[in-house]
PDB file of N, CA and C in Angstrom:
ATOM      1  N   MET A   1       0.881  -1.266  -0.328  1.00  0.00           N
ATOM      2  CA  MET A   1      -0.209  -0.003  -0.069  1.00  0.00           C
ATOM      3  C   MET A   1       0.862   1.193  -0.097  1.00  0.00           C
ATOM      4  N   LYS A   2       0.326   2.083  -1.005  1.00  0.00           N
ATOM      5  CA  LYS A   2       1.215   3.501  -1.283  1.00  0.00           C
ATOM      6  C   LYS A   2       0.782   4.536  -0.060  1.00  0.00           C
ATOM      7  N   PRO A   3       1.911   5.275   0.472  1.00  0.00           N
ATOM      8  CA  PRO A   3       1.221   6.745   1.479  1.00  0.00           C
ATOM      9  C   PRO A   3       0.507   7.469   0.268  1.00  0.00           C
ATOM     10  N   LEU A   4      -0.350   8.219   1.156  1.00  0.00           N
ATOM     11  CA  LEU A   4      -1.019   8.913   0.031  1.00  0.00           C
ATOM     12  C   LEU A   4      -0.560  10.228  -0.083  1.00  0.00           C
ATOM     13  N   GLY A   5      -0.503  10.714  -0.818  1.00  0.00           N
ATOM     14  CA  GLY A   5       0.062  12.073  -1.949  1.00  0.00           C
ATOM     15  C   GLY A   5       1.782  11.674  -2.116  1.00  0.00           C
ATOM     16  N   MET A   6       2.059  10.794  -1.967  1.00  0.00           N
ATOM     17  CA  MET A   6       3.372  10.443  -2.445  1.00  0.00           C
ATOM     18  C   MET A   6       3.495  10.249  -3.703  1.00  0.00           C
ATOM     19  N   LYS A   7       4.596  10.501  -4.353  1.00  0.00           N
ATOM     20  CA  LYS A   7       4.739  10.033  -5.949  1.00  0.00           C
ATOM     21  C   LYS A   7       6.171   9.241  -5.820  1.00  0.00           C
ATOM     22  N   PRO A   8       6.169   8.196  -6.703  1.00  0.00           N
ATOM     23  CA  PRO A   8       7.316   7.602  -7.102  1.00  0.00           C
ATOM     24  C   PRO A   8       8.150   8.424  -7.675  1.00  0.00           C
ATOM     25  N   LEU A   9       9.798   8.660  -7.385  1.00  0.00           N
ATOM     26  CA  LEU A   9      10.832   9.657  -7.494  1.00  0.00           C
ATOM     27  C   LEU A   9      10.766   9.440  -9.120  1.00  0.00           C
ATOM     28  N   ALA A  10      11.085  10.138 -10.282  1.00  0.00           N
ATOM     29  CA  ALA A  10      11.332  10.169 -11.381  1.00  0.00           C
ATOM     30  C   ALA A  10      13.053  10.020 -11.629  1.00  0.00           C
ATOM     31  N   PRO A  11      13.369   9.409 -12.684  1.00  0.00           N
ATOM     32  CA  PRO A  11      14.705   9.401 -12.733  1.00  0.00           C
ATOM     33  C   PRO A  11      15.028  10.512 -13.062  1.00  0.00           C
ATOM     34  N   LYS A  12      16.427  11.085 -12.685  1.00  0.00           N
ATOM     35  CA  LYS A  12      17.257  12.494 -13.247  1.00  0.00           C
ATOM     36  C   LYS A  12      17.147  12.641 -14.726  1.00  0.00           C
ATOM     37  N   SER A  13      17.019  13.787 -14.994  1.00  0.00           N
ATOM     38  CA  SER A  13      16.948  14.166 -16.296  1.00  0.00           C
ATOM     39  C   SER A  13      18.548  14.587 -16.878  1.00  0.00           C
ATOM     40  N   SER A  14      19.090  14.684 -18.352  1.00  0.00           N
ATOM     41  CA  SER A  14      19.897  14.826 -18.488  1.00  0.00           C
ATOM     42  C   SER A  14      20.565  16.555 -17.985  1.00  0.00           C
ATOM     43  N   ALA A  15      19.487  16.931 -18.054  1.00  0.00           N
ATOM     44  CA  ALA A  15      19.661  18.670 -17.897  1.00  0.00           C
ATOM     45  C   ALA A  15      20.019  18.846 -16.293  1.00  0.00           C
ATOM     46  N   MET A  16      19.259  17.730 -15.556  1.00  0.00           N
ATOM     47  CA  MET A  16      19.845  18.075 -13.894  1.00  0.00           C
ATOM     48  C   MET A  16      21.141  17.478 -13.655  1.00  0.00           C
ATOM     49  N   LYS A  17      21.716  16.572 -14.602  1.00  0.00           N
ATOM     50  CA  LYS A  17      22.726  15.939 -14.513  1.00  0.00           C
ATOM     51  C   LYS A  17      23.722  16.810 -14.874  1.00  0.00           C
ATOM     52  N   ARG A  18      23.528  17.770 -15.965  1.00  0.00           N
ATOM     53  CA  ARG A  18      24.618  18.485 -16.377  1.00  0.00           C
ATOM     54  C   ARG A  18      24.935  19.497 -15.504  1.00  0.00           C
ATOM     55  N   SER A  19      23.535  20.337 -14.995  1.00  0.00           N
ATOM     56  CA  SER A  19      23.598  21.301 -13.366  1.00  0.00           C
ATOM     57  C   SER A  19      24.449  20.842 -12.525  1.00  0.00           C
ATOM     58  N   HIS A  20      24.304  19.585 -11.758  1.00  0.00           N
ATOM     59  CA  HIS A  20      24.951  18.957 -11.200  1.00  0.00           C
ATOM     60  C   HIS A  20      26.663  18.903 -11.588  1.00  0.00           C
ATOM     61  N   PHE A  21      26.847  18.739 -12.579  1.00  0.00           N
ATOM     62  CA  PHE A  21      28.186  18.379 -13.297  1.00  0.00           C
ATOM     63  C   PHE A  21      28.888  20.022 -13.365  1.00  0.00           C
ATOM     64  N   SER A  22      28.133  21.059 -13.882  1.00  0.00           N
ATOM     65  CA  SER A  22      28.375  22.459 -13.523  1.00  0.00           C
ATOM     66  C   SER A  22      28.892  22.730 -12.085  1.00  0.00           C
ATOM     67  N   VAL A  23      27.809  22.434 -11.155  1.00  0.00           N
ATOM     68  CA  VAL A  23      28.192  22.893 -10.171  1.00  0.00           C
ATOM     69  C   VAL A  23      29.426  22.248  -9.434  1.00  0.00           C
ATOM     70  N   ALA A  24      29.701  20.951  -9.766  1.00  0.00           N
ATOM     71  CA  ALA A  24      31.069  20.690  -9.299  1.00  0.00           C
ATOM     72  C   ALA A  24      31.989  20.970  -9.619  1.00  0.00           C
ATOM     73  N   MET A  25      32.091  21.080 -11.177  1.00  0.00           N
ATOM     74  CA  MET A  25      33.143  21.812 -11.943  1.00  0.00           C
ATOM     75  C   MET A  25      33.334  23.279 -11.105  1.00  0.00           C
ATOM     76  N   ILE A  26      32.287  24.099 -11.241  1.00  0.00           N
ATOM     77  CA  ILE A  26      32.485  25.561 -10.579  1.00  0.00           C
ATOM     78  C   ILE A  26      33.218  25.006  -9.197  1.00  0.00           C
ATOM     79  N   ALA A  27      32.586  24.280  -8.297  1.00  0.00           N
ATOM     80  CA  ALA A  27      33.508  24.331  -7.129  1.00  0.00           C
ATOM     81  C   ALA A  27      34.721  23.678  -7.148  1.00  0.00           C
ATOM     82  N   ALA A  28      34.963  23.057  -7.816  1.00  0.00           N
ATOM     83  CA  ALA A  28      36.439  22.321  -7.854  1.00  0.00           C
ATOM     84  C   ALA A  28      37.387  23.417  -8.381  1.00  0.00           C
ATOM     85  N   SER A  29      36.658  24.184  -9.358  1.00  0.00           N
ATOM     86  CA  SER A  29      37.470  25.399 -10.104  1.00  0.00           C
ATOM     87  C   SER A  29      38.047  26.292  -8.782  1.00  0.00           C
ATOM     88  N   LEU A  30      37.238  26.725  -7.889  1.00  0.00           N
ATOM     89  CA  LEU A  30      37.358  27.722  -6.953  1.00  0.00           C
ATOM     90  C   LEU A  30      38.115  26.989  -5.921  1.00  0.00           C
ATOM     91  N   VAL A  31      38.170  25.762  -5.462  1.00  0.00           N
ATOM     92  CA  VAL A  31      39.022  25.084  -4.890  1.00  0.00           C
ATOM     93  C   VAL A  31      40.723  25.265  -5.753  1.00  0.00           C
ATOM     94  N   ALA A  32      40.864  25.013  -6.662  1.00  0.00           N
ATOM     95  CA  ALA A  32      42.043  24.989  -7.109  1.00  0.00           C
ATOM     96  C   ALA A  32      42.357  26.434  -7.156  1.00  0.00           C
ATOM     97  N   ALA A  33      41.829  27.408  -7.637  1.00  0.00           N
ATOM     98  CA  ALA A  33      42.003  28.898  -7.334  1.00  0.00           C
ATOM     99  C   ALA A  33      42.574  29.551  -6.009  1.00  0.00           C
ATOM    100  N   GLY A  34      41.767  29.009  -5.291  1.00  0.00           N
ATOM    101  CA  GLY A  34      42.135  29.363  -3.697  1.00  0.00           C
ATOM    102  C   GLY A  34      43.704  28.642  -3.591  1.00  0.00           C
ATOM    103  N   LEU A  35      43.821  26.981  -3.978  1.00  0.00           N
ATOM    104  CA  LEU A  35      45.219  26.636  -3.255  1.00  0.00           C
ATOM    105  C   LEU A  35      46.345  27.472  -4.226  1.00  0.00           C
ATOM    106  N   LEU A  36      45.747  27.622  -5.503  1.00  0.00           N
ATOM    107  CA  LEU A  36      47.219  28.625  -6.151  1.00  0.00           C
ATOM    108  C   LEU A  36      47.227  29.760  -5.679  1.00  0.00           C
ATOM    109  N   LEU A  37      46.456  31.095  -5.112  1.00  0.00           N
ATOM    110  CA  LEU A  37      46.394  31.676  -4.527  1.00  0.00           C
ATOM    111  C   LEU A  37      47.178  31.866  -3.333  1.00  0.00           C
ATOM    112  N   THR A  38      46.857  30.596  -2.359  1.00  0.00           N
ATOM    113  CA  THR A  38      47.511  30.744  -1.127  1.00  0.00           C
ATOM    114  C   THR A  38      48.907  30.795  -1.145  1.00  0.00           C
ATOM    115  N   ALA A  39      49.611  30.097  -2.498  1.00  0.00           N
ATOM    116  CA  ALA A  39      51.110  30.535  -2.504  1.00  0.00           C
ATOM    117  C   ALA A  39      51.641  32.026  -2.606  1.00  0.00           C
ATOM    118  N   CYS A  40      50.567  33.086  -3.181  1.00  0.00           N
ATOM    119  CA  CYS A  40      50.616  34.083  -3.175  1.00  0.00           C
ATOM    120  C   CYS A  40      51.222  34.871  -1.894  1.00  0.00           C
ATOM    121  N   GLY A  41      50.946  34.238  -1.238  1.00  0.00           N
ATOM    122  CA  GLY A  41      51.020  35.233   0.350  1.00  0.00           C
ATOM    123  C   GLY A  41      52.347  34.320   1.176  1.00  0.00           C
ATOM    124  N   SER A  42      52.756  33.722   0.425  1.00  0.00           N
ATOM    125  CA  SER A  42      54.541  33.204   1.136  1.00  0.00           C
ATOM    126  C   SER A  42      55.129  34.530   1.203  1.00  0.00           C
ATOM    127  N   SER A  43      55.800  34.538   2.590  1.00  0.00           N
ATOM    128  CA  SER A  43      56.926  35.385   3.195  1.00  0.00           C
ATOM    129  C   SER A  43      58.237  35.589   2.360  1.00  0.00           C
ATOM    130  N   SER A  44      58.018  34.593   1.264  1.00  0.00           N
ATOM    131  CA  SER A  44      59.537  34.650   0.635  1.00  0.00           C
ATOM    132  C   SER A  44      59.921  35.418  -0.431  1.00  0.00           C
ATOM    133  N   THR A  45      61.175  36.236  -0.131  1.00  0.00           N
ATOM    134  CA  THR A  45      61.541  37.478  -1.145  1.00  0.00           C
ATOM    135  C   THR A  45      61.996  37.337  -2.198  1.00  0.00           C
ATOM    136  N   VAL A  46      61.575  37.742  -3.213  1.00  0.00           N
ATOM    137  CA  VAL A  46      62.152  37.530  -4.632  1.00  0.00           C
ATOM    138  C   VAL A  46      63.437  38.785  -4.893  1.00  0.00           C
ATOM    139  N   HIS A  47      64.890  38.431  -5.077  1.00  0.00           N
ATOM    140  CA  HIS A  47      65.242  39.614  -5.610  1.00  0.00           C
ATOM    141  C   HIS A  47      65.744  39.657  -6.736  1.00  0.00           C
ATOM    142  N   ASN A  48      65.484  40.824  -7.285  1.00  0.00           N
ATOM    143  CA  ASN A  48      65.872  40.753  -9.033  1.00  0.00           C
ATOM    144  C   ASN A  48      67.423  41.178  -9.170  1.00  0.00           C
ATOM    145  N   ARG A  49      68.256  40.764  -9.431  1.00  0.00           N
ATOM    146  CA  ARG A  49      69.939  40.804  -9.751  1.00  0.00           C
ATOM    147  C   ARG A  49      70.068  41.240 -11.090  1.00  0.00           C
ATOM    148  N   LEU A  50      68.888  41.323 -11.898  1.00  0.00           N
ATOM    149  CA  LEU A  50      68.691  41.889 -13.288  1.00  0.00           C
ATOM    150  C   LEU A  50      69.135  43.886 -13.024  1.00  0.00           C
ATOM    151  N   VAL A  51      68.167  44.078 -11.892  1.00  0.00           N
ATOM    152  CA  VAL A  51      68.248  45.303 -12.114  1.00  0.00           C
ATOM    153  C   VAL A  51      69.343  45.817 -11.099  1.00  0.00           C
ATOM    154  N   PRO A  52      70.015  46.999 -11.574  1.00  0.00           N
ATOM    155  CA  PRO A  52      71.430  47.869 -10.742  1.00  0.00           C
ATOM    156  C   PRO A  52      70.729  48.416  -9.285  1.00  0.00           C
ATOM    157  N   PRO A  53      71.825  48.327  -8.589  1.00  0.00           N
ATOM    158  CA  PRO A  53      71.216  49.194  -7.039  1.00  0.00           C
ATOM    159  C   PRO A  53      71.073  50.381  -7.488  1.00  0.00           C
ATOM    160  N   GLU A  54      70.981  50.910  -8.323  1.00  0.00           N
ATOM    161  CA  GLU A  54      71.098  52.633  -8.591  1.00  0.00           C
ATOM    162  C   GLU A  54      69.612  52.944  -9.713  1.00  0.00           C
ATOM    163  N   GLN A  55      69.285  51.503 -10.248  1.00  0.00           N
ATOM    164  CA  GLN A  55      67.786  51.886 -10.998  1.00  0.00           C
ATOM    165  C   GLN A  55      66.676  51.337  -9.525  1.00  0.00           C
ATOM    166  N   SER A  56      67.076  50.602  -8.419  1.00  0.00           N
ATOM    167  CA  SER A  56      66.603  50.451  -7.355  1.00  0.00           C
ATOM    168  C   SER A  56      66.009  51.541  -6.722  1.00  0.00           C
ATOM    169  N   ALA A  57      67.041  52.144  -6.545  1.00  0.00           N
ATOM    170  CA  ALA A  57      67.067  53.239  -5.425  1.00  0.00           C
ATOM    171  C   ALA A  57      66.197  54.450  -6.432  1.00  0.00           C
ATOM    172  N   ALA A  58      66.197  54.645  -7.455  1.00  0.00           N
ATOM    173  CA  ALA A  58      65.784  55.459  -7.975  1.00  0.00           C
ATOM    174  C   ALA A  58      63.864  55.097  -8.478  1.00  0.00           C
ATOM    175  N   ASP A  59      63.842  53.540  -8.429  1.00  0.00           N
ATOM    176  CA  ASP A  59      62.378  53.261  -8.208  1.00  0.00           C
ATOM    177  C   ASP A  59      61.344  53.511  -6.689  1.00  0.00           C
ATOM    178  N   LEU A  60      62.710  53.160  -6.318  1.00  0.00           N
ATOM    179  CA  LEU A  60      61.781  53.761  -4.859  1.00  0.00           C
ATOM    180  C   LEU A  60      61.552  55.107  -4.151  1.00  0.00           C
ATOM    181  N   LYS A  61      62.532  55.686  -5.046  1.00  0.00           N
ATOM    182  CA  LYS A  61      62.689  57.213  -4.693  1.00  0.00           C
ATOM    183  C   LYS A  61      61.305  57.634  -5.435  1.00  0.00           C
ATOM    184  N   ARG A  62      60.896  57.209  -6.417  1.00  0.00           N
ATOM    185  CA  ARG A  62      59.655  57.320  -7.582  1.00  0.00           C
ATOM    186  C   ARG A  62      58.391  57.111  -6.624  1.00  0.00           C
ATOM    187  N   ALA A  63      58.648  55.809  -6.030  1.00  0.00           N
ATOM    188  CA  ALA A  63      57.311  55.636  -5.445  1.00  0.00           C
ATOM    189  C   ALA A  63      57.107  56.316  -4.103  1.00  0.00           C
ATOM    190  N   LEU A  64      58.004  56.640  -3.432  1.00  0.00           N
ATOM    191  CA  LEU A  64      57.702  57.873  -2.322  1.00  0.00           C
ATOM    192  C   LEU A  64      57.234  58.889  -2.991  1.00  0.00           C
ATOM    193  N   ASP A  65      57.663  59.473  -3.855  1.00  0.00           N
ATOM    194  CA  ASP A  65      57.294  61.014  -4.624  1.00  0.00           C
ATOM    195  C   ASP A  65      55.738  60.677  -4.886  1.00  0.00           C
ATOM    196  N   ALA A  66      55.703  59.492  -5.557  1.00  0.00           N
ATOM    197  CA  ALA A  66      54.176  59.220  -5.977  1.00  0.00           C
ATOM    198  C   ALA A  66      53.486  58.595  -4.634  1.00  0.00           C
ATOM    199  N   GLY A  67      53.489  58.249  -3.386  1.00  0.00           N
ATOM    200  CA  GLY A  67      52.645  58.345  -2.657  1.00  0.00           C
ATOM    201  C   GLY A  67      52.751  56.842  -1.908  1.00  0.00           C
ATOM    202  N   ILE A  68      53.180  56.019  -3.102  1.00  0.00           N
ATOM    203  CA  ILE A  68      53.157  54.623  -3.120  1.00  0.00           C
ATOM    204  C   ILE A  68      53.429  53.441  -1.877  1.00  0.00           C
ATOM    205  N   ILE A  69      54.621  54.508  -1.095  1.00  0.00           N
ATOM    206  CA  ILE A  69      55.169  53.772   0.072  1.00  0.00           C
ATOM    207  C   ILE A  69      55.417  54.901   0.908  1.00  0.00           C
ATOM    208  N   SER A  70      55.857  54.593   2.251  1.00  0.00           N
ATOM    209  CA  SER A  70      56.136  55.460   2.848  1.00  0.00           C
ATOM    210  C   SER A  70      57.259  55.940   3.148  1.00  0.00           C
ATOM    211  N   GLN A  71      57.609  57.311   4.206  1.00  0.00           N
ATOM    212  CA  GLN A  71      58.940  57.596   4.171  1.00  0.00           C
ATOM    213  C   GLN A  71      59.617  56.285   5.260  1.00  0.00           C
ATOM    214  N   ASP A  72      58.895  55.582   5.731  1.00  0.00           N
ATOM    215  CA  ASP A  72      59.411  54.843   6.546  1.00  0.00           C
ATOM    216  C   ASP A  72      59.918  53.318   5.857  1.00  0.00           C
ATOM    217  N   GLU A  73      59.289  53.019   5.364  1.00  0.00           N
ATOM    218  CA  GLU A  73      59.053  51.955   4.262  1.00  0.00           C
ATOM    219  C   GLU A  73      60.406  52.416   2.969  1.00  0.00           C
ATOM    220  N   TYR A  74      60.496  53.465   2.735  1.00  0.00           N
ATOM    221  CA  TYR A  74      61.687  53.626   1.686  1.00  0.00           C
ATOM    222  C   TYR A  74      62.786  53.656   2.605  1.00  0.00           C
ATOM    223  N   GLN A  75      62.945  54.616   3.729  1.00  0.00           N
ATOM    224  CA  GLN A  75      64.153  54.082   4.239  1.00  0.00           C
ATOM    225  C   GLN A  75      64.652  52.392   4.465  1.00  0.00           C
ATOM    226  N   GLU A  76      63.387  51.744   5.010  1.00  0.00           N
ATOM    227  CA  GLU A  76      63.590  50.206   5.106  1.00  0.00           C
ATOM    228  C   GLU A  76      64.187  49.787   4.057  1.00  0.00           C
ATOM    229  N   GLU A  77      63.782  49.965   2.941  1.00  0.00           N
ATOM    230  CA  GLU A  77      64.308  49.532   1.673  1.00  0.00           C
ATOM    231  C   GLU A  77      65.420  49.882   1.109  1.00  0.00           C
ATOM    232  N   MET A  78      65.665  51.110   1.444  1.00  0.00           N
ATOM    233  CA  MET A  78      67.068  51.383   1.036  1.00  0.00           C
ATOM    234  C   MET A  78      68.357  51.093   1.699  1.00  0.00           C
ATOM    235  N   GLU A  79      67.937  51.021   3.314  1.00  0.00           N
ATOM    236  CA  GLU A  79      68.880  50.100   4.031  1.00  0.00           C
ATOM    237  C   GLU A  79      68.727  48.665   3.387  1.00  0.00           C
ATOM    238  N   LYS A  80      68.276  47.938   3.210  1.00  0.00           N
ATOM    239  CA  LYS A  80      68.192  46.440   2.554  1.00  0.00           C
ATOM    240  C   LYS A  80      69.125  46.656   1.329  1.00  0.00           C
ATOM    241  N   LEU A  81      68.768  47.840   0.202  1.00  0.00           N
ATOM    242  CA  LEU A  81      69.573  47.886  -0.666  1.00  0.00           C
ATOM    243  C   LEU A  81      70.926  47.994  -0.559  1.00  0.00           C
ATOM    244  N   ARG A  82      71.054  48.741   0.512  1.00  0.00           N
ATOM    245  CA  ARG A  82      72.947  49.470   0.709  1.00  0.00           C
ATOM    246  C   ARG A  82      73.604  48.173   1.710  1.00  0.00           C
ATOM    247  N   ASP A  83      72.594  46.853   1.879  1.00  0.00           N
ATOM    248  CA  ASP A  83      72.982  45.949   2.884  1.00  0.00           C
ATOM    249  C   ASP A  83      73.156  45.003   1.839  1.00  0.00           C
ATOM    250  N   GLY A  84      72.490  44.953   0.656  1.00  0.00           N
ATOM    251  CA  GLY A  84      72.611  43.794  -0.455  1.00  0.00           C
ATOM    252  C   GLY A  84      71.720  42.663   0.019  1.00  0.00           C
ATOM    253  N   ASN A  85      70.492  43.079   0.608  1.00  0.00           N
ATOM    254  CA  ASN A  85      69.684  42.083   0.727  1.00  0.00           C
ATOM    255  C   ASN A  85      68.482  42.511  -0.146  1.00  0.00           C
TER     256      ASN A  85
END
């Protein structure tokens, strides 16, 4: 005996399967993007040895003058540049 008001479940349509696949692909893409972006927050510093120190100093001065970095940041970076770090 079948309970009143209950209908048998219909098989999933192909559109519904595609929808679930799309949601799964979007979720997987977001997870992959998140994992890739976590590497961007690493604390290691890359030093470009191809740029002469004079050019780096001029770039820092331009950044200071443009307001991109503060006076403290400028002084800190200039000390690193002088120390060769």
